[in-house]
Amino acid sequence: MTPADSDFAAARLRPNRPNTEIPLVGDKQDKAADVQRMFADIAPRYDLLNRVLSLGVDKSWRRAAASEALLLRPARLLDVATGTGDFALELKRRSPHTEVIASDFVPQMLEIGRKKAGSQHLEIHFEEGDALHLPYPDASFESLTCAFGFRNFADYQRGLAEFWRVLKPGGRLVILEFPPPAEGLFGSAFRFYFQHILPRIGAVVSGNGGAYTYLPESVLAFPDPPHLARLMHATGFRVHYRLLSGGIAAIHVGTKS
């Protein structure tokens, strides 16, 4: 068992801590309501924190993922767990002809996304929805994206099954996520930053220390890139992936056979 696997197992067994209201992490966890409440609380400072905590590198990650999502020039695209819509906005700017629907289950995030789209004169449909029970018919989209939201799902396999269901045959799934830090000096340094420095910065800027304790815990509990690729393959996707910025982020691309 690797250190990441040990963290994953420990996180799945760790009881929730009601005094801090930090959601459980990992797969097959009853965490949806806690995650929803946490993101509603940090919504006003969410974009600022993303820029500060990633030193702006998250923009380049979204650009790389957008290129994958738009490769086949989709007519209709669904961005799941859109948050405040940063990735949906990137997609629409790059492909004005594509109908972009941005879905999330946190109304406070969606409202910020609508305002951002309006200020940039971009037509994006922001819709409230549960990623594990998507409110769309089968085979509705040529492309589906999920940027930094998949690890918050209560059931990864259920989420992938929904992605498969709403994609058309030949459709393209793009997941952009933080994998657990790899072994080695760089991975150890990033793990230290994630566990000890990031929560302090997040607490100061957002006023919610629990949310930025949850973030590193959710990353450590997330499947590593080969494991996520296997989960996607088991759903039926043809899969390839690549690491970004030395493995800080990863893009997984799945094609519905």
Protein backbone atom coordinates (compact mmCIF):
# COMPACT_ATOMS: atom_id res chain seq x y z
CA MET A 1 0.00 0.00 0.00
CA THR A 2 1.42 3.39 -0.99
CA PRO A 3 1.33 6.41 1.35
CA ALA A 4 -1.47 7.82 -0.78
CA ASP A 5 -3.40 4.58 -0.38
CA SER A 6 -2.86 4.73 3.38
CA ASP A 7 -4.19 8.28 3.48
CA PHE A 8 -7.13 7.17 1.33
CA ALA A 9 -7.99 4.30 3.67
CA ALA A 10 -7.59 6.43 6.78
CA ALA A 11 -9.78 9.17 5.38
CA ARG A 12 -12.55 6.73 4.55
CA LEU A 13 -12.49 5.39 8.11
CA ARG A 14 -12.12 8.75 9.86
CA PRO A 15 -15.36 9.86 11.56
CA ASN A 16 -16.75 13.28 10.80
CA ARG A 17 -15.92 16.01 13.28
CA PRO A 18 -19.14 17.89 14.06
CA ASN A 19 -17.34 20.62 15.97
CA THR A 20 -15.47 21.70 12.81
CA GLU A 21 -18.22 20.86 10.30
CA ILE A 22 -15.60 19.53 7.85
CA PRO A 23 -17.15 17.13 5.32
CA LEU A 24 -16.00 13.55 5.10
CA VAL A 25 -13.56 12.82 2.29
CA GLY A 26 -13.13 9.95 -0.15
CA ASP A 27 -15.51 7.75 -2.06
CA LYS A 28 -18.81 6.27 -0.85
CA GLN A 29 -19.30 8.91 1.85
CA ASP A 30 -22.51 10.65 2.94
CA LYS A 31 -21.10 14.14 2.51
CA ALA A 32 -23.27 15.94 -0.04
CA ALA A 33 -25.09 18.22 2.42
CA ASP A 34 -21.86 19.16 4.23
CA VAL A 35 -20.04 19.89 0.97
CA GLN A 36 -22.96 22.00 -0.25
CA ARG A 37 -23.04 24.01 2.98
CA MET A 38 -19.26 24.50 2.98
CA PHE A 39 -19.10 25.83 -0.60
CA ALA A 40 -22.09 28.10 -0.02
CA ASP A 41 -20.18 29.64 2.88
CA ILE A 42 -16.97 30.33 0.94
CA ALA A 43 -18.63 31.31 -2.38
CA PRO A 44 -17.94 35.09 -2.10
CA ARG A 45 -14.16 34.56 -1.72
CA TYR A 46 -13.85 31.36 -3.78
CA ASP A 47 -12.33 32.92 -6.93
CA LEU A 48 -9.82 35.03 -5.00
CA LEU A 49 -8.68 32.03 -3.02
CA ASN A 50 -8.18 29.95 -6.17
CA ARG A 51 -5.88 32.63 -7.59
CA VAL A 52 -3.94 33.11 -4.35
CA LEU A 53 -3.54 29.45 -3.47
CA SER A 54 -2.49 28.33 -6.96
CA LEU A 55 -0.41 31.46 -7.73
CA GLY A 56 -2.54 31.82 -10.86
CA VAL A 57 -1.39 28.50 -12.33
CA ASP A 58 -4.97 27.15 -12.26
CA LYS A 59 -5.72 29.35 -15.30
CA SER A 60 -3.20 27.45 -17.43
CA TRP A 61 -4.64 24.14 -16.23
CA ARG A 62 -8.12 25.19 -17.31
CA ARG A 63 -6.82 26.28 -20.70
CA ALA A 64 -5.21 22.87 -21.24
CA ALA A 65 -8.38 21.05 -20.17
CA ALA A 66 -10.54 23.29 -22.36
CA SER A 67 -8.47 22.38 -25.41
CA GLU A 68 -9.22 18.71 -24.73
CA ALA A 69 -12.94 19.32 -24.16
CA LEU A 70 -13.34 21.35 -27.34
CA LEU A 71 -11.18 19.20 -29.60
CA LEU A 72 -14.15 17.79 -31.55
CA ARG A 73 -16.00 21.13 -31.69
CA PRO A 74 -19.02 20.05 -29.63
CA ALA A 75 -22.38 21.66 -30.33
CA ARG A 76 -23.53 21.15 -26.73
CA LEU A 77 -21.37 20.85 -23.61
CA LEU A 78 -22.16 20.28 -19.93
CA ASP A 79 -19.81 21.57 -17.23
CA VAL A 80 -20.60 19.65 -14.02
CA ALA A 81 -19.74 21.00 -10.55
CA THR A 82 -19.08 24.33 -12.25
CA GLY A 83 -18.77 26.31 -9.00
CA THR A 84 -18.59 29.99 -9.91
CA GLY A 85 -18.24 29.08 -13.57
CA ASP A 86 -14.56 29.81 -14.28
CA PHE A 87 -14.16 26.75 -16.49
CA ALA A 88 -17.51 27.27 -18.23
CA LEU A 89 -16.47 30.83 -19.04
CA GLU A 90 -13.16 29.62 -20.46
CA LEU A 91 -14.99 27.09 -22.64
CA LYS A 92 -17.48 29.64 -23.96
CA ARG A 93 -14.82 32.23 -24.72
CA ARG A 94 -12.85 29.69 -26.73
CA SER A 95 -15.85 28.21 -28.52
CA PRO A 96 -18.67 30.77 -28.94
CA HIS A 97 -20.68 28.40 -31.16
CA THR A 98 -20.91 25.76 -28.42
CA GLU A 99 -23.97 25.78 -26.16
CA VAL A 100 -22.51 25.62 -22.65
CA ILE A 101 -24.64 24.48 -19.71
CA ALA A 102 -23.03 24.95 -16.28
CA SER A 103 -24.43 22.79 -13.48
CA ASP A 104 -23.85 22.86 -9.73
CA PHE A 105 -25.81 22.07 -6.57
CA VAL A 106 -24.73 25.23 -4.71
CA PRO A 107 -27.06 28.14 -5.64
CA GLN A 108 -24.71 30.75 -4.17
CA MET A 109 -21.94 29.63 -6.53
CA LEU A 110 -24.26 29.64 -9.54
CA GLU A 111 -25.41 33.20 -8.81
CA ILE A 112 -21.81 34.43 -8.86
CA GLY A 113 -21.26 32.56 -12.12
CA ARG A 114 -24.30 34.21 -13.72
CA LYS A 115 -23.02 37.66 -12.79
CA LYS A 116 -19.57 36.92 -14.20
CA ALA A 117 -21.03 35.62 -17.47
CA GLY A 118 -23.27 38.69 -17.75
CA SER A 119 -20.40 41.09 -17.17
CA GLN A 120 -18.42 39.34 -19.92
CA HIS A 121 -21.41 39.17 -22.27
CA LEU A 122 -21.18 35.39 -22.51
CA GLU A 123 -24.34 33.31 -22.87
CA ILE A 124 -24.07 30.36 -20.49
CA HIS A 125 -27.00 28.50 -18.96
CA PHE A 126 -26.36 28.13 -15.20
CA GLU A 127 -28.61 25.39 -13.82
CA GLU A 128 -28.93 23.82 -10.38
CA GLY A 129 -28.45 20.07 -10.45
CA ASP A 130 -27.09 17.05 -8.58
CA ALA A 131 -24.12 15.48 -10.37
CA LEU A 132 -25.20 12.01 -9.23
CA HIS A 133 -28.70 12.49 -10.68
CA LEU A 134 -28.22 14.78 -13.66
CA PRO A 135 -31.54 16.26 -14.87
CA TYR A 136 -30.85 15.63 -18.56
CA PRO A 137 -31.98 12.92 -21.00
CA ASP A 138 -29.64 10.20 -22.21
CA ALA A 139 -27.15 11.18 -24.93
CA SER A 140 -27.69 14.94 -24.53
CA PHE A 141 -24.12 16.26 -24.90
CA GLU A 142 -21.11 15.85 -27.17
CA SER A 143 -18.75 16.90 -24.37
CA LEU A 144 -18.83 16.92 -20.55
CA THR A 145 -16.34 18.54 -18.21
CA CYS A 146 -15.69 18.55 -14.48
CA ALA A 147 -12.92 20.78 -13.11
CA PHE A 148 -11.84 20.37 -9.49
CA GLY A 149 -15.23 19.05 -8.44
CA PHE A 150 -15.13 15.31 -8.99
CA ARG A 151 -13.33 14.52 -5.74
CA ASN A 152 -16.27 16.08 -3.84
CA PHE A 153 -18.71 13.51 -5.22
CA ALA A 154 -20.23 11.13 -2.69
CA ASP A 155 -19.94 8.21 -5.16
CA TYR A 156 -17.36 8.29 -7.95
CA GLN A 157 -18.75 5.33 -9.88
CA ARG A 158 -22.26 6.77 -9.78
CA GLY A 159 -20.93 10.09 -11.05
CA LEU A 160 -19.08 8.41 -13.92
CA ALA A 161 -22.19 6.40 -14.80
CA GLU A 162 -24.18 9.63 -15.04
CA PHE A 163 -21.50 11.20 -17.21
CA TRP A 164 -21.65 8.17 -19.51
CA ARG A 165 -25.44 8.28 -19.64
CA VAL A 166 -25.78 11.92 -20.73
CA LEU A 167 -22.92 11.80 -23.27
CA LYS A 168 -23.63 10.92 -26.87
CA PRO A 169 -21.77 7.98 -28.46
CA GLY A 170 -18.29 9.25 -29.28
CA GLY A 171 -18.72 12.00 -26.67
CA ARG A 172 -15.75 13.28 -24.71
CA LEU A 173 -15.37 13.48 -20.92
CA VAL A 174 -12.66 15.71 -19.43
CA ILE A 175 -11.90 15.63 -15.69
CA LEU A 176 -9.41 18.14 -14.28
CA GLU A 177 -8.42 17.33 -10.71
CA PHE A 178 -5.76 17.42 -8.00
CA PRO A 179 -4.26 13.93 -7.61
CA PRO A 180 -2.59 12.95 -4.34
CA PRO A 181 0.99 14.28 -4.27
CA ALA A 182 3.45 11.75 -5.70
CA GLU A 183 6.32 10.30 -3.71
CA GLY A 184 9.65 12.11 -3.82
CA LEU A 185 11.01 15.49 -2.77
CA PHE A 186 8.58 17.59 -4.80
CA GLY A 187 5.59 15.55 -3.68
CA SER A 188 6.65 15.80 -0.04
CA ALA A 189 7.09 19.56 -0.32
CA PHE A 190 3.69 19.97 -1.95
CA ARG A 191 2.08 17.71 0.66
CA PHE A 192 3.57 19.90 3.41
CA TYR A 193 2.23 23.04 1.70
CA PHE A 194 -1.20 21.49 1.26
CA GLN A 195 -1.51 20.23 4.83
CA HIS A 196 0.15 23.01 6.82
CA ILE A 197 0.31 26.27 4.85
CA LEU A 198 -2.75 26.25 2.59
CA PRO A 199 -5.29 25.83 5.45
CA ARG A 200 -3.82 28.87 7.23
CA ILE A 201 -3.99 31.08 4.14
CA GLY A 202 -7.48 29.84 3.34
CA ALA A 203 -8.70 30.48 6.86
CA VAL A 204 -7.41 34.08 6.82
CA VAL A 205 -8.79 34.98 3.39
CA SER A 206 -12.11 33.11 3.56
CA GLY A 207 -12.84 33.15 7.28
CA ASN A 208 -13.57 29.42 7.04
CA GLY A 209 -10.66 27.31 8.25
CA GLY A 210 -12.62 24.10 7.89
CA ALA A 211 -13.06 24.49 4.14
CA TYR A 212 -9.32 24.69 3.57
CA THR A 213 -8.64 21.80 5.91
CA TYR A 214 -11.12 19.79 3.85
CA LEU A 215 -9.32 20.66 0.58
CA PRO A 216 -5.99 18.91 1.32
CA GLU A 217 -7.77 16.02 3.01
CA SER A 218 -9.99 15.52 -0.02
CA VAL A 219 -6.94 15.52 -2.31
CA LEU A 220 -5.05 12.99 -0.19
CA ALA A 221 -8.14 10.76 -0.19
CA PHE A 222 -8.66 10.97 -3.96
CA PRO A 223 -7.61 8.08 -6.25
CA ASP A 224 -4.24 8.51 -7.94
CA PRO A 225 -4.28 9.02 -11.74
CA PRO A 226 -3.96 5.32 -12.72
CA HIS A 227 -6.76 4.41 -10.29
CA LEU A 228 -9.09 7.10 -11.65
CA ALA A 229 -8.29 5.95 -15.19
CA ARG A 230 -9.31 2.40 -14.20
CA LEU A 231 -12.60 3.65 -12.74
CA MET A 232 -13.34 5.50 -15.99
CA HIS A 233 -12.38 2.47 -18.07
CA ALA A 234 -14.65 0.25 -15.97
CA THR A 235 -17.54 2.59 -16.81
CA GLY A 236 -16.84 2.03 -20.51
CA PHE A 237 -14.64 4.99 -21.44
CA ARG A 238 -11.49 4.80 -23.53
CA VAL A 239 -9.10 6.76 -21.33
CA HIS A 240 -5.85 8.66 -21.43
CA TYR A 241 -4.46 11.17 -18.95
CA ARG A 242 -1.55 13.53 -18.40
CA LEU A 243 -0.05 15.30 -15.41
CA LEU A 244 0.35 19.07 -15.18
CA SER A 245 2.89 21.18 -13.26
CA GLY A 246 4.87 18.22 -12.03
CA GLY A 247 1.79 16.28 -11.00
CA ILE A 248 0.00 18.99 -9.00
CA ALA A 249 -2.98 18.61 -11.35
CA ALA A 250 -4.07 15.96 -13.85
CA ILE A 251 -6.33 15.86 -16.90
CA HIS A 252 -8.20 12.62 -17.60
CA VAL A 253 -9.92 12.31 -20.99
CA GLY A 254 -12.51 9.63 -21.64
CA THR A 255 -14.26 8.82 -24.91
CA LYS A 256 -17.63 7.08 -24.87
CA SER A 257 -17.14 4.08 -27.14
